[in-house]
Amino acid sequence: MPMTTSLFRLAALTLLVASAVAQAQSKGQPAVIFDMGGKFDKSFNQAGYQGAEQWKKETGKTYLEFEISNDTQRVQAIRRMAERGASPIISIGFAQASALQQVAKDFPKTQFAIIDAKVDLPNVQSLLFKEHEGSYVVGAMAALVSKTGKVGFVGGMDIPLIRKFQCGYEQGAKVTNPKIEVFSNMTGTTSTAWNDPTRGGELAKAQFAKGSDVVFAAAGGTGVGVYQAAKDAGKLAIGVDSNQNHLQPGTMLTSMVKRVDVAVYNVLKGWKPGVSVLGLKEGGVDYAADDNNAKLLNPALKAKVDAVKADIIAGKVKVADYMADNACKF
């Protein structure tokens, strides 16, 4: 019995020491929590992952990570990182806002950050984007290349943030061509709307059937189905968040890039509390130009689009923000 008791105590002590070592190693180590769709969603989460990887490559340091696979995991995941001593803890996506707010109150000395939402606490950095500005620019581009005078928009989950993309896109298209027709559809009302490429493809096909020849998808992983449908129909598509031009070269007119990578990288380089808002002027949003869309984005078109972009940066064009009053007024 004494021998058994000694072994039991030794095993318990070993586990305790291992736990303490793991916690010590985690302390001060940053953490990134990716939301639904995962870090390889080819869109929003992946942009955040690329920012974290850039920081890792430059500094030689490592970070903890977790990928949310269902809505119930958010509080637990953030809390677990905080308990391990991680800091800053970066939550990718507005859907983590309430969970982060709950945990951040319990760990006032831990630094937190959230992408795409505002959490008003002294230990939280909130990073927001002027998605409406970037969407306006690609909307203008869509109107400039459309031969039918009809363009489309496929959103992911029907929430104000995605309506913000839609409204900006519609403004850009209609200011460029007042006679243009814009078709819009949302994929769904739950978080599964971010990862439903089959439904995305169906919505795009329906818009093409009505005459649309350019479609902009702001739908996370669902957009992959939209781009495939555009390729199959011989139409053009516009990607979102990450540069998605490479997914269907020759079909992708451009991508409305949202520099989530820059936001994550900046937090890892130097966390600071408060709200940061990134628009065209700050390099937070833009359109993507590379070898994959070079033939579509000819110099004459690029010059016109850059003029639109310059007018927004200079304040000559004010883009209406849907989220300012929950309506698209322009």
C-alpha atoms as a PDB file:
ATOM      1  CA  MET A   1       0.000   0.000   0.000  1.00  0.00           C
ATOM      2  CA  PRO A   2       2.707   2.529   0.864  1.00  0.00           C
ATOM      3  CA  MET A   3       4.380   1.814  -2.497  1.00  0.00           C
ATOM      4  CA  THR A   4       1.044   2.328  -4.337  1.00  0.00           C
ATOM      5  CA  THR A   5       0.385   5.543  -2.443  1.00  0.00           C
ATOM      6  CA  SER A   6       3.863   6.835  -3.268  1.00  0.00           C
ATOM      7  CA  LEU A   7       3.430   6.046  -6.947  1.00  0.00           C
ATOM      8  CA  PHE A   8       0.036   7.753  -6.970  1.00  0.00           C
ATOM      9  CA  ARG A   9       1.480  10.857  -5.348  1.00  0.00           C
ATOM     10  CA  LEU A  10       4.410  10.853  -7.760  1.00  0.00           C
ATOM     11  CA  ALA A  11       2.058  10.617 -10.744  1.00  0.00           C
ATOM     12  CA  ALA A  12      -0.110  13.418  -9.366  1.00  0.00           C
ATOM     13  CA  LEU A  13       2.954  15.574  -8.771  1.00  0.00           C
ATOM     14  CA  THR A  14       4.200  14.902 -12.308  1.00  0.00           C
ATOM     15  CA  LEU A  15       0.863  16.007 -13.755  1.00  0.00           C
ATOM     16  CA  LEU A  16       0.883  19.105 -11.550  1.00  0.00           C
ATOM     17  CA  VAL A  17       4.384  20.045 -12.655  1.00  0.00           C
ATOM     18  CA  ALA A  18       3.539  19.424 -16.334  1.00  0.00           C
ATOM     19  CA  SER A  19       0.466  21.612 -16.004  1.00  0.00           C
ATOM     20  CA  ALA A  20       2.486  24.361 -14.314  1.00  0.00           C
ATOM     21  CA  VAL A  21       5.154  24.214 -17.021  1.00  0.00           C
ATOM     22  CA  ALA A  22       2.519  24.377 -19.780  1.00  0.00           C
ATOM     23  CA  GLN A  23       0.882  27.361 -18.111  1.00  0.00           C
ATOM     24  CA  ALA A  24       4.218  29.104 -17.659  1.00  0.00           C
ATOM     25  CA  GLN A  25       5.028  28.554 -21.313  1.00  0.00           C
ATOM     26  CA  SER A  26       1.616  29.916 -22.328  1.00  0.00           C
ATOM     27  CA  LYS A  27       1.879  32.996 -20.131  1.00  0.00           C
ATOM     28  CA  GLY A  28       2.460  36.025 -22.292  1.00  0.00           C
ATOM     29  CA  GLN A  29       2.089  33.931 -25.426  1.00  0.00           C
ATOM     30  CA  PRO A  30      -0.606  35.311 -27.740  1.00  0.00           C
ATOM     31  CA  ALA A  31      -3.592  33.299 -28.891  1.00  0.00           C
ATOM     32  CA  VAL A  32      -5.789  33.479 -31.976  1.00  0.00           C
ATOM     33  CA  ILE A  33      -9.306  32.034 -31.989  1.00  0.00           C
ATOM     34  CA  PHE A  34     -10.696  31.464 -35.477  1.00  0.00           C
ATOM     35  CA  ASP A  35     -14.445  31.352 -35.991  1.00  0.00           C
ATOM     36  CA  MET A  36     -16.762  29.130 -38.035  1.00  0.00           C
ATOM     37  CA  GLY A  37     -15.229  28.066 -41.338  1.00  0.00           C
ATOM     38  CA  GLY A  38     -11.755  27.673 -39.843  1.00  0.00           C
ATOM     39  CA  LYS A  39      -8.377  29.182 -40.589  1.00  0.00           C
ATOM     40  CA  PHE A  40      -8.324  27.752 -44.114  1.00  0.00           C
ATOM     41  CA  ASP A  41     -11.693  29.120 -45.261  1.00  0.00           C
ATOM     42  CA  LYS A  42      -9.927  30.942 -48.164  1.00  0.00           C
ATOM     43  CA  SER A  43     -11.557  34.128 -46.884  1.00  0.00           C
ATOM     44  CA  PHE A  44     -11.973  35.995 -43.583  1.00  0.00           C
ATOM     45  CA  ASN A  45     -10.422  33.570 -41.082  1.00  0.00           C
ATOM     46  CA  GLN A  46      -7.572  32.726 -43.416  1.00  0.00           C
ATOM     47  CA  ALA A  47      -6.645  36.386 -43.731  1.00  0.00           C
ATOM     48  CA  GLY A  48      -6.309  36.499 -39.943  1.00  0.00           C
ATOM     49  CA  TYR A  49      -4.212  33.330 -40.007  1.00  0.00           C
ATOM     50  CA  GLN A  50      -1.855  34.880 -42.572  1.00  0.00           C
ATOM     51  CA  GLY A  51      -1.347  37.907 -40.338  1.00  0.00           C
ATOM     52  CA  ALA A  52      -0.492  35.700 -37.378  1.00  0.00           C
ATOM     53  CA  GLU A  53       1.874  33.617 -39.487  1.00  0.00           C
ATOM     54  CA  GLN A  54       3.629  36.748 -40.747  1.00  0.00           C
ATOM     55  CA  TRP A  55       4.215  37.846 -37.143  1.00  0.00           C
ATOM     56  CA  LYS A  56       5.450  34.344 -36.263  1.00  0.00           C
ATOM     57  CA  LYS A  57       7.886  34.322 -39.189  1.00  0.00           C
ATOM     58  CA  GLU A  58       9.269  37.767 -38.407  1.00  0.00           C
ATOM     59  CA  THR A  59       9.653  37.303 -34.661  1.00  0.00           C
ATOM     60  CA  GLY A  60      10.384  33.590 -34.375  1.00  0.00           C
ATOM     61  CA  LYS A  61       7.742  33.439 -31.638  1.00  0.00           C
ATOM     62  CA  THR A  62       4.731  31.146 -31.525  1.00  0.00           C
ATOM     63  CA  TYR A  63       1.060  31.584 -30.718  1.00  0.00           C
ATOM     64  CA  LEU A  64      -1.753  29.384 -29.436  1.00  0.00           C
ATOM     65  CA  GLU A  65      -4.765  28.806 -31.648  1.00  0.00           C
ATOM     66  CA  PHE A  66      -8.232  27.286 -31.704  1.00  0.00           C
ATOM     67  CA  GLU A  67     -10.851  26.864 -34.444  1.00  0.00           C
ATOM     68  CA  ILE A  68     -14.507  27.220 -33.441  1.00  0.00           C
ATOM     69  CA  SER A  69     -16.624  24.453 -34.955  1.00  0.00           C
ATOM     70  CA  ASN A  70     -19.972  25.260 -33.321  1.00  0.00           C
ATOM     71  CA  ASP A  71     -21.618  28.252 -31.670  1.00  0.00           C
ATOM     72  CA  THR A  72     -21.393  26.827 -28.148  1.00  0.00           C
ATOM     73  CA  GLN A  73     -17.581  26.752 -28.030  1.00  0.00           C
ATOM     74  CA  ARG A  74     -16.786  30.455 -28.042  1.00  0.00           C
ATOM     75  CA  VAL A  75     -16.900  31.280 -24.308  1.00  0.00           C
ATOM     76  CA  GLN A  76     -15.097  28.080 -23.395  1.00  0.00           C
ATOM     77  CA  ALA A  77     -12.338  28.615 -25.960  1.00  0.00           C
ATOM     78  CA  ILE A  78     -11.624  32.210 -24.934  1.00  0.00           C
ATOM     79  CA  ARG A  79     -11.761  31.359 -21.245  1.00  0.00           C
ATOM     80  CA  ARG A  80      -9.411  28.421 -21.681  1.00  0.00           C
ATOM     81  CA  MET A  81      -6.829  30.663 -23.366  1.00  0.00           C
ATOM     82  CA  ALA A  82      -7.154  33.239 -20.589  1.00  0.00           C
ATOM     83  CA  GLU A  83      -6.732  30.571 -17.904  1.00  0.00           C
ATOM     84  CA  ARG A  84      -3.566  29.402 -19.622  1.00  0.00           C
ATOM     85  CA  GLY A  85      -2.171  32.921 -19.311  1.00  0.00           C
ATOM     86  CA  ALA A  86      -2.254  33.768 -23.020  1.00  0.00           C
ATOM     87  CA  SER A  87      -2.166  37.474 -23.936  1.00  0.00           C
ATOM     88  CA  PRO A  88      -3.243  39.104 -26.132  1.00  0.00           C
ATOM     89  CA  ILE A  89      -6.128  36.820 -27.071  1.00  0.00           C
ATOM     90  CA  ILE A  90      -7.466  37.701 -30.530  1.00  0.00           C
ATOM     91  CA  SER A  91     -10.995  36.666 -31.506  1.00  0.00           C
ATOM     92  CA  ILE A  92     -11.595  36.588 -35.269  1.00  0.00           C
ATOM     93  CA  GLY A  93     -15.130  37.682 -36.119  1.00  0.00           C
ATOM     94  CA  PHE A  94     -18.095  39.609 -34.730  1.00  0.00           C
ATOM     95  CA  ALA A  95     -19.782  36.387 -33.577  1.00  0.00           C
ATOM     96  CA  GLN A  96     -17.277  36.132 -30.717  1.00  0.00           C
ATOM     97  CA  ALA A  97     -18.106  39.584 -29.301  1.00  0.00           C
ATOM     98  CA  SER A  98     -20.490  38.560 -26.515  1.00  0.00           C
ATOM     99  CA  ALA A  99     -18.274  35.647 -25.468  1.00  0.00           C
ATOM    100  CA  LEU A 100     -15.192  37.845 -25.380  1.00  0.00           C
ATOM    101  CA  GLN A 101     -16.982  40.531 -23.388  1.00  0.00           C
ATOM    102  CA  GLN A 102     -18.032  37.947 -20.811  1.00  0.00           C
ATOM    103  CA  VAL A 103     -14.533  36.492 -20.387  1.00  0.00           C
ATOM    104  CA  ALA A 104     -12.665  39.809 -20.577  1.00  0.00           C
ATOM    105  CA  LYS A 105     -14.586  41.059 -17.521  1.00  0.00           C
ATOM    106  CA  ASP A 106     -13.351  38.039 -15.547  1.00  0.00           C
ATOM    107  CA  PHE A 107      -9.715  38.568 -16.605  1.00  0.00           C
ATOM    108  CA  PRO A 108      -9.165  42.353 -16.355  1.00  0.00           C
ATOM    109  CA  LYS A 109      -5.359  42.050 -16.540  1.00  0.00           C
ATOM    110  CA  THR A 110      -5.421  40.007 -19.758  1.00  0.00           C
ATOM    111  CA  GLN A 111      -5.278  41.775 -23.115  1.00  0.00           C
ATOM    112  CA  PHE A 112      -8.011  40.878 -25.597  1.00  0.00           C
ATOM    113  CA  ALA A 113      -8.739  41.937 -29.177  1.00  0.00           C
ATOM    114  CA  ILE A 114     -11.663  41.350 -31.505  1.00  0.00           C
ATOM    115  CA  ILE A 115     -11.893  41.709 -35.270  1.00  0.00           C
ATOM    116  CA  ASP A 116     -15.138  43.085 -36.745  1.00  0.00           C
ATOM    117  CA  ALA A 117     -16.887  44.111 -33.533  1.00  0.00           C
ATOM    118  CA  LYS A 118     -16.711  46.691 -30.772  1.00  0.00           C
ATOM    119  CA  VAL A 119     -16.364  45.581 -27.156  1.00  0.00           C
ATOM    120  CA  ASP A 120     -16.196  48.560 -24.829  1.00  0.00           C
ATOM    121  CA  LEU A 121     -13.876  47.376 -22.058  1.00  0.00           C
ATOM    122  CA  PRO A 122     -10.515  48.825 -20.937  1.00  0.00           C
ATOM    123  CA  ASN A 123      -8.648  45.585 -21.681  1.00  0.00           C
ATOM    124  CA  VAL A 124     -10.064  45.092 -25.201  1.00  0.00           C
ATOM    125  CA  GLN A 125      -8.868  46.382 -28.564  1.00  0.00           C
ATOM    126  CA  SER A 126     -11.652  46.464 -31.171  1.00  0.00           C
ATOM    127  CA  LEU A 127     -10.726  46.495 -34.860  1.00  0.00           C
ATOM    128  CA  LEU A 128     -13.330  47.554 -37.390  1.00  0.00           C
ATOM    129  CA  PHE A 129     -13.268  48.121 -41.144  1.00  0.00           C
ATOM    130  CA  LYS A 130     -14.973  50.474 -43.602  1.00  0.00           C
ATOM    131  CA  GLU A 131     -16.229  47.601 -45.735  1.00  0.00           C
ATOM    132  CA  HIS A 132     -18.677  49.943 -47.459  1.00  0.00           C
ATOM    133  CA  GLU A 133     -15.777  51.891 -48.998  1.00  0.00           C
ATOM    134  CA  GLY A 134     -14.110  48.842 -50.543  1.00  0.00           C
ATOM    135  CA  SER A 135     -17.473  47.480 -51.661  1.00  0.00           C
ATOM    136  CA  TYR A 136     -18.274  50.801 -53.369  1.00  0.00           C
ATOM    137  CA  VAL A 137     -15.051  50.545 -55.377  1.00  0.00           C
ATOM    138  CA  VAL A 138     -15.749  46.993 -56.618  1.00  0.00           C
ATOM    139  CA  GLY A 139     -19.370  47.958 -57.291  1.00  0.00           C
ATOM    140  CA  ALA A 140     -18.131  50.724 -59.574  1.00  0.00           C
ATOM    141  CA  MET A 141     -15.805  48.231 -61.262  1.00  0.00           C
ATOM    142  CA  ALA A 142     -18.684  45.785 -61.787  1.00  0.00           C
ATOM    143  CA  ALA A 143     -20.807  48.507 -63.406  1.00  0.00           C
ATOM    144  CA  LEU A 144     -17.930  49.538 -65.673  1.00  0.00           C
ATOM    145  CA  VAL A 145     -17.440  46.022 -67.081  1.00  0.00           C
ATOM    146  CA  SER A 146     -21.051  44.806 -67.135  1.00  0.00           C
ATOM    147  CA  LYS A 147     -22.378  44.330 -70.652  1.00  0.00           C
ATOM    148  CA  THR A 148     -25.947  43.593 -69.590  1.00  0.00           C
ATOM    149  CA  GLY A 149     -26.432  46.461 -67.145  1.00  0.00           C
ATOM    150  CA  LYS A 150     -27.235  43.894 -64.453  1.00  0.00           C
ATOM    151  CA  VAL A 151     -24.963  42.798 -61.594  1.00  0.00           C
ATOM    152  CA  GLY A 152     -25.421  40.619 -58.517  1.00  0.00           C
ATOM    153  CA  PHE A 153     -24.544  40.293 -54.841  1.00  0.00           C
ATOM    154  CA  VAL A 154     -24.577  37.116 -52.717  1.00  0.00           C
ATOM    155  CA  GLY A 155     -24.230  37.641 -48.984  1.00  0.00           C
ATOM    156  CA  GLY A 156     -23.604  35.079 -46.274  1.00  0.00           C
ATOM    157  CA  MET A 157     -25.530  35.384 -43.024  1.00  0.00           C
ATOM    158  CA  ASP A 158     -28.182  38.110 -43.182  1.00  0.00           C
ATOM    159  CA  ILE A 159     -26.792  40.568 -40.631  1.00  0.00           C
ATOM    160  CA  PRO A 160     -26.124  44.341 -40.679  1.00  0.00           C
ATOM    161  CA  LEU A 161     -22.423  43.813 -41.426  1.00  0.00           C
ATOM    162  CA  ILE A 162     -23.175  41.977 -44.675  1.00  0.00           C
ATOM    163  CA  ARG A 163     -25.855  44.528 -45.535  1.00  0.00           C
ATOM    164  CA  LYS A 164     -23.011  47.048 -45.190  1.00  0.00           C
ATOM    165  CA  PHE A 165     -21.117  45.242 -47.985  1.00  0.00           C
ATOM    166  CA  GLN A 166     -24.277  45.046 -50.086  1.00  0.00           C
ATOM    167  CA  CYS A 167     -25.131  48.723 -49.655  1.00  0.00           C
ATOM    168  CA  GLY A 168     -21.626  49.888 -50.556  1.00  0.00           C
ATOM    169  CA  TYR A 169     -21.582  47.674 -53.640  1.00  0.00           C
ATOM    170  CA  GLU A 170     -24.976  48.906 -54.783  1.00  0.00           C
ATOM    171  CA  GLN A 171     -23.932  52.535 -54.317  1.00  0.00           C
ATOM    172  CA  GLY A 172     -20.775  52.103 -56.359  1.00  0.00           C
ATOM    173  CA  ALA A 173     -22.662  50.365 -59.156  1.00  0.00           C
ATOM    174  CA  LYS A 174     -25.562  52.825 -59.299  1.00  0.00           C
ATOM    175  CA  VAL A 175     -23.492  56.001 -59.055  1.00  0.00           C
ATOM    176  CA  THR A 176     -21.335  54.687 -61.909  1.00  0.00           C
ATOM    177  CA  ASN A 177     -24.361  53.646 -63.977  1.00  0.00           C
ATOM    178  CA  PRO A 178     -27.700  55.032 -62.693  1.00  0.00           C
ATOM    179  CA  LYS A 179     -29.589  52.619 -64.960  1.00  0.00           C
ATOM    180  CA  ILE A 180     -27.915  49.480 -63.657  1.00  0.00           C
ATOM    181  CA  GLU A 181     -29.953  46.761 -61.946  1.00  0.00           C
ATOM    182  CA  VAL A 182     -28.543  45.061 -58.833  1.00  0.00           C
ATOM    183  CA  PHE A 183     -29.807  41.648 -57.677  1.00  0.00           C
ATOM    184  CA  SER A 184     -29.117  40.701 -54.056  1.00  0.00           C
ATOM    185  CA  ASN A 185     -29.587  37.509 -52.055  1.00  0.00           C
ATOM    186  CA  MET A 186     -28.495  36.360 -48.609  1.00  0.00           C
ATOM    187  CA  THR A 187     -27.556  32.725 -48.043  1.00  0.00           C
ATOM    188  CA  GLY A 188     -29.234  32.270 -44.658  1.00  0.00           C
ATOM    189  CA  THR A 189     -29.873  33.528 -41.143  1.00  0.00           C
ATOM    190  CA  THR A 190     -27.602  31.219 -39.140  1.00  0.00           C
ATOM    191  CA  SER A 191     -23.841  30.728 -38.969  1.00  0.00           C
ATOM    192  CA  THR A 192     -24.060  27.828 -41.454  1.00  0.00           C
ATOM    193  CA  ALA A 193     -24.569  30.490 -44.144  1.00  0.00           C
ATOM    194  CA  TRP A 194     -20.802  31.079 -44.106  1.00  0.00           C
ATOM    195  CA  ASN A 195     -19.993  27.598 -45.342  1.00  0.00           C
ATOM    196  CA  ASP A 196     -22.629  26.554 -47.869  1.00  0.00           C
ATOM    197  CA  PRO A 197     -21.026  26.647 -51.338  1.00  0.00           C
ATOM    198  CA  THR A 198     -23.870  24.618 -52.847  1.00  0.00           C
ATOM    199  CA  ARG A 199     -26.433  27.245 -51.866  1.00  0.00           C
ATOM    200  CA  GLY A 200     -24.068  30.018 -52.957  1.00  0.00           C
ATOM    201  CA  GLY A 201     -23.810  28.460 -56.396  1.00  0.00           C
ATOM    202  CA  GLU A 202     -27.600  28.157 -56.663  1.00  0.00           C
ATOM    203  CA  LEU A 203     -28.114  31.832 -55.798  1.00  0.00           C
ATOM    204  CA  ALA A 204     -25.497  32.922 -58.314  1.00  0.00           C
ATOM    205  CA  LYS A 205     -27.056  30.784 -61.066  1.00  0.00           C
ATOM    206  CA  ALA A 206     -30.450  32.368 -60.385  1.00  0.00           C
ATOM    207  CA  GLN A 207     -28.943  35.838 -60.731  1.00  0.00           C
ATOM    208  CA  PHE A 208     -27.196  34.870 -63.968  1.00  0.00           C
ATOM    209  CA  ALA A 209     -30.513  33.559 -65.280  1.00  0.00           C
ATOM    210  CA  LYS A 210     -31.973  37.050 -64.727  1.00  0.00           C
ATOM    211  CA  GLY A 211     -29.213  38.637 -66.774  1.00  0.00           C
ATOM    212  CA  SER A 212     -26.483  39.430 -64.271  1.00  0.00           C
ATOM    213  CA  ASP A 213     -22.977  39.090 -65.671  1.00  0.00           C
ATOM    214  CA  VAL A 214     -20.944  40.066 -62.572  1.00  0.00           C
ATOM    215  CA  VAL A 215     -21.540  38.811 -59.020  1.00  0.00           C
ATOM    216  CA  PHE A 216     -19.906  39.897 -55.758  1.00  0.00           C
ATOM    217  CA  ALA A 217     -19.893  37.344 -52.932  1.00  0.00           C
ATOM    218  CA  ALA A 218     -19.485  38.460 -49.316  1.00  0.00           C
ATOM    219  CA  ALA A 219     -20.190  35.050 -47.817  1.00  0.00           C
ATOM    220  CA  GLY A 220     -17.059  33.402 -46.446  1.00  0.00           C
ATOM    221  CA  GLY A 221     -16.645  29.806 -47.632  1.00  0.00           C
ATOM    222  CA  THR A 222     -20.012  29.984 -49.410  1.00  0.00           C
ATOM    223  CA  GLY A 223     -18.360  32.218 -51.978  1.00  0.00           C
ATOM    224  CA  VAL A 224     -16.412  29.270 -53.394  1.00  0.00           C
ATOM    225  CA  GLY A 225     -19.680  27.972 -54.867  1.00  0.00           C
ATOM    226  CA  VAL A 226     -20.474  31.408 -56.318  1.00  0.00           C
ATOM    227  CA  TYR A 227     -17.117  31.571 -58.093  1.00  0.00           C
ATOM    228  CA  GLN A 228     -17.542  28.066 -59.503  1.00  0.00           C
ATOM    229  CA  ALA A 229     -20.989  28.970 -60.807  1.00  0.00           C
ATOM    230  CA  ALA A 230     -19.562  32.089 -62.451  1.00  0.00           C
ATOM    231  CA  LYS A 231     -16.852  30.048 -64.152  1.00  0.00           C
ATOM    232  CA  ASP A 232     -19.379  27.479 -65.374  1.00  0.00           C
ATOM    233  CA  ALA A 233     -21.638  30.209 -66.757  1.00  0.00           C
ATOM    234  CA  GLY A 234     -18.850  32.218 -68.364  1.00  0.00           C
ATOM    235  CA  LYS A 235     -19.561  35.185 -66.070  1.00  0.00           C
ATOM    236  CA  LEU A 236     -17.405  37.271 -63.744  1.00  0.00           C
ATOM    237  CA  ALA A 237     -17.142  37.112 -59.960  1.00  0.00           C
ATOM    238  CA  ILE A 238     -15.673  39.321 -57.226  1.00  0.00           C
ATOM    239  CA  GLY A 239     -14.063  37.761 -54.163  1.00  0.00           C
ATOM    240  CA  VAL A 240     -13.983  39.063 -50.623  1.00  0.00           C
ATOM    241  CA  ASP A 241     -11.776  39.502 -47.536  1.00  0.00           C
ATOM    242  CA  SER A 242      -8.691  37.609 -48.779  1.00  0.00           C
ATOM    243  CA  ASN A 243      -7.380  37.989 -52.315  1.00  0.00           C
ATOM    244  CA  GLN A 244      -9.356  35.180 -53.953  1.00  0.00           C
ATOM    245  CA  ASN A 245      -8.346  35.939 -57.548  1.00  0.00           C
ATOM    246  CA  HIS A 246      -6.361  32.696 -57.707  1.00  0.00           C
ATOM    247  CA  LEU A 247      -9.403  30.506 -57.006  1.00  0.00           C
ATOM    248  CA  GLN A 248     -10.797  30.896 -60.526  1.00  0.00           C
ATOM    249  CA  PRO A 249      -8.259  32.805 -62.672  1.00  0.00           C
ATOM    250  CA  GLY A 250      -9.926  34.474 -65.633  1.00  0.00           C
ATOM    251  CA  THR A 251     -13.300  34.439 -63.850  1.00  0.00           C
ATOM    252  CA  MET A 252     -12.364  36.605 -60.862  1.00  0.00           C
ATOM    253  CA  LEU A 253     -12.656  40.271 -61.847  1.00  0.00           C
ATOM    254  CA  THR A 254     -11.078  41.236 -58.525  1.00  0.00           C
ATOM    255  CA  SER A 255     -11.458  40.716 -54.768  1.00  0.00           C
ATOM    256  CA  MET A 256     -12.543  43.266 -52.179  1.00  0.00           C
ATOM    257  CA  VAL A 257      -9.716  42.650 -49.750  1.00  0.00           C
ATOM    258  CA  LYS A 258     -10.290  43.347 -46.092  1.00  0.00           C
ATOM    259  CA  ARG A 259      -6.930  43.413 -44.379  1.00  0.00           C
ATOM    260  CA  VAL A 260      -7.734  41.205 -41.447  1.00  0.00           C
ATOM    261  CA  ASP A 261      -4.134  40.037 -41.778  1.00  0.00           C
ATOM    262  CA  VAL A 262      -2.890  43.579 -41.131  1.00  0.00           C
ATOM    263  CA  ALA A 263      -5.223  43.954 -38.149  1.00  0.00           C
ATOM    264  CA  VAL A 264      -4.075  40.697 -36.519  1.00  0.00           C
ATOM    265  CA  TYR A 265      -0.422  41.434 -37.258  1.00  0.00           C
ATOM    266  CA  ASN A 266      -0.705  44.910 -35.737  1.00  0.00           C
ATOM    267  CA  VAL A 267      -2.269  43.558 -32.537  1.00  0.00           C
ATOM    268  CA  LEU A 268       0.507  40.996 -32.176  1.00  0.00           C
ATOM    269  CA  LYS A 269       3.156  43.652 -32.782  1.00  0.00           C
ATOM    270  CA  GLY A 270       1.669  46.054 -30.262  1.00  0.00           C
ATOM    271  CA  TRP A 271      -1.704  45.695 -28.560  1.00  0.00           C
ATOM    272  CA  LYS A 272      -3.469  48.903 -27.579  1.00  0.00           C
ATOM    273  CA  PRO A 273      -6.940  49.305 -26.059  1.00  0.00           C
ATOM    274  CA  GLY A 274      -9.744  51.174 -27.764  1.00  0.00           C
ATOM    275  CA  VAL A 275     -11.235  51.175 -31.252  1.00  0.00           C
ATOM    276  CA  SER A 276      -9.284  51.132 -34.525  1.00  0.00           C
ATOM    277  CA  VAL A 277     -11.166  51.690 -37.794  1.00  0.00           C
ATOM    278  CA  LEU A 278      -9.459  50.844 -41.096  1.00  0.00           C
ATOM    279  CA  GLY A 279     -10.731  52.111 -44.442  1.00  0.00           C
ATOM    280  CA  LEU A 280      -9.301  52.851 -47.905  1.00  0.00           C
ATOM    281  CA  LYS A 281      -7.138  55.660 -46.549  1.00  0.00           C
ATOM    282  CA  GLU A 282      -5.618  53.419 -43.866  1.00  0.00           C
ATOM    283  CA  GLY A 283      -5.098  50.489 -46.263  1.00  0.00           C
ATOM    284  CA  GLY A 284      -7.672  48.453 -44.370  1.00  0.00           C
ATOM    285  CA  VAL A 285      -9.767  47.704 -47.469  1.00  0.00           C
ATOM    286  CA  ASP A 286      -8.890  47.737 -51.163  1.00  0.00           C
ATOM    287  CA  TYR A 287      -9.362  45.852 -54.417  1.00  0.00           C
ATOM    288  CA  ALA A 288      -6.917  43.150 -55.523  1.00  0.00           C
ATOM    289  CA  ALA A 289      -4.834  43.394 -58.684  1.00  0.00           C
ATOM    290  CA  ASP A 290      -2.422  40.601 -59.626  1.00  0.00           C
ATOM    291  CA  ASP A 291      -1.430  38.284 -62.465  1.00  0.00           C
ATOM    292  CA  ASN A 292      -4.667  36.299 -62.078  1.00  0.00           C
ATOM    293  CA  ASN A 293      -6.896  39.213 -63.111  1.00  0.00           C
ATOM    294  CA  ALA A 294      -4.426  41.257 -65.176  1.00  0.00           C
ATOM    295  CA  LYS A 295      -6.219  40.519 -68.460  1.00  0.00           C
ATOM    296  CA  LEU A 296      -9.577  41.608 -67.027  1.00  0.00           C
ATOM    297  CA  LEU A 297      -8.271  44.654 -65.196  1.00  0.00           C
ATOM    298  CA  ASN A 298      -6.767  46.537 -68.160  1.00  0.00           C
ATOM    299  CA  PRO A 299      -4.997  49.898 -67.683  1.00  0.00           C
ATOM    300  CA  ALA A 300      -8.011  51.973 -68.778  1.00  0.00           C
ATOM    301  CA  LEU A 301     -10.346  50.205 -66.326  1.00  0.00           C
ATOM    302  CA  LYS A 302      -7.785  50.381 -63.534  1.00  0.00           C
ATOM    303  CA  ALA A 303      -7.375  54.130 -64.057  1.00  0.00           C
ATOM    304  CA  LYS A 304     -11.133  54.668 -63.713  1.00  0.00           C
ATOM    305  CA  VAL A 305     -11.343  52.506 -60.595  1.00  0.00           C
ATOM    306  CA  ASP A 306      -8.343  54.223 -59.017  1.00  0.00           C
ATOM    307  CA  ALA A 307     -10.024  57.587 -59.624  1.00  0.00           C
ATOM    308  CA  VAL A 308     -13.102  56.363 -57.730  1.00  0.00           C
ATOM    309  CA  LYS A 309     -10.885  55.161 -54.905  1.00  0.00           C
ATOM    310  CA  ALA A 310      -8.992  58.480 -54.797  1.00  0.00           C
ATOM    311  CA  ASP A 311     -12.250  60.460 -54.565  1.00  0.00           C
ATOM    312  CA  ILE A 312     -13.340  58.432 -51.528  1.00  0.00           C
ATOM    313  CA  ILE A 313      -9.965  58.859 -49.825  1.00  0.00           C
ATOM    314  CA  ALA A 314     -10.034  62.607 -50.532  1.00  0.00           C
ATOM    315  CA  GLY A 315     -13.540  62.904 -49.100  1.00  0.00           C
ATOM    316  CA  LYS A 316     -15.084  63.964 -52.419  1.00  0.00           C
ATOM    317  CA  VAL A 317     -17.328  60.891 -52.303  1.00  0.00           C
ATOM    318  CA  LYS A 318     -19.099  59.953 -49.073  1.00  0.00           C
ATOM    319  CA  VAL A 319     -20.144  56.323 -48.984  1.00  0.00           C
ATOM    320  CA  ALA A 320     -23.275  55.627 -46.954  1.00  0.00           C
ATOM    321  CA  ASP A 321     -22.748  53.127 -44.132  1.00  0.00           C
ATOM    322  CA  TYR A 322     -25.700  50.754 -43.658  1.00  0.00           C
ATOM    323  CA  MET A 323     -24.742  50.183 -40.029  1.00  0.00           C
ATOM    324  CA  ALA A 324     -24.951  53.891 -39.194  1.00  0.00           C
ATOM    325  CA  ASP A 325     -28.763  53.816 -39.193  1.00  0.00           C
ATOM    326  CA  ASN A 326     -29.648  50.254 -40.262  1.00  0.00           C
ATOM    327  CA  ALA A 327     -30.676  51.350 -43.725  1.00  0.00           C
ATOM    328  CA  CYS A 328     -29.093  51.824 -47.126  1.00  0.00           C
ATOM    329  CA  LYS A 329     -29.644  55.526 -47.789  1.00  0.00           C
ATOM    330  CA  PHE A 330     -27.780  57.214 -50.608  1.00  0.00           C
END
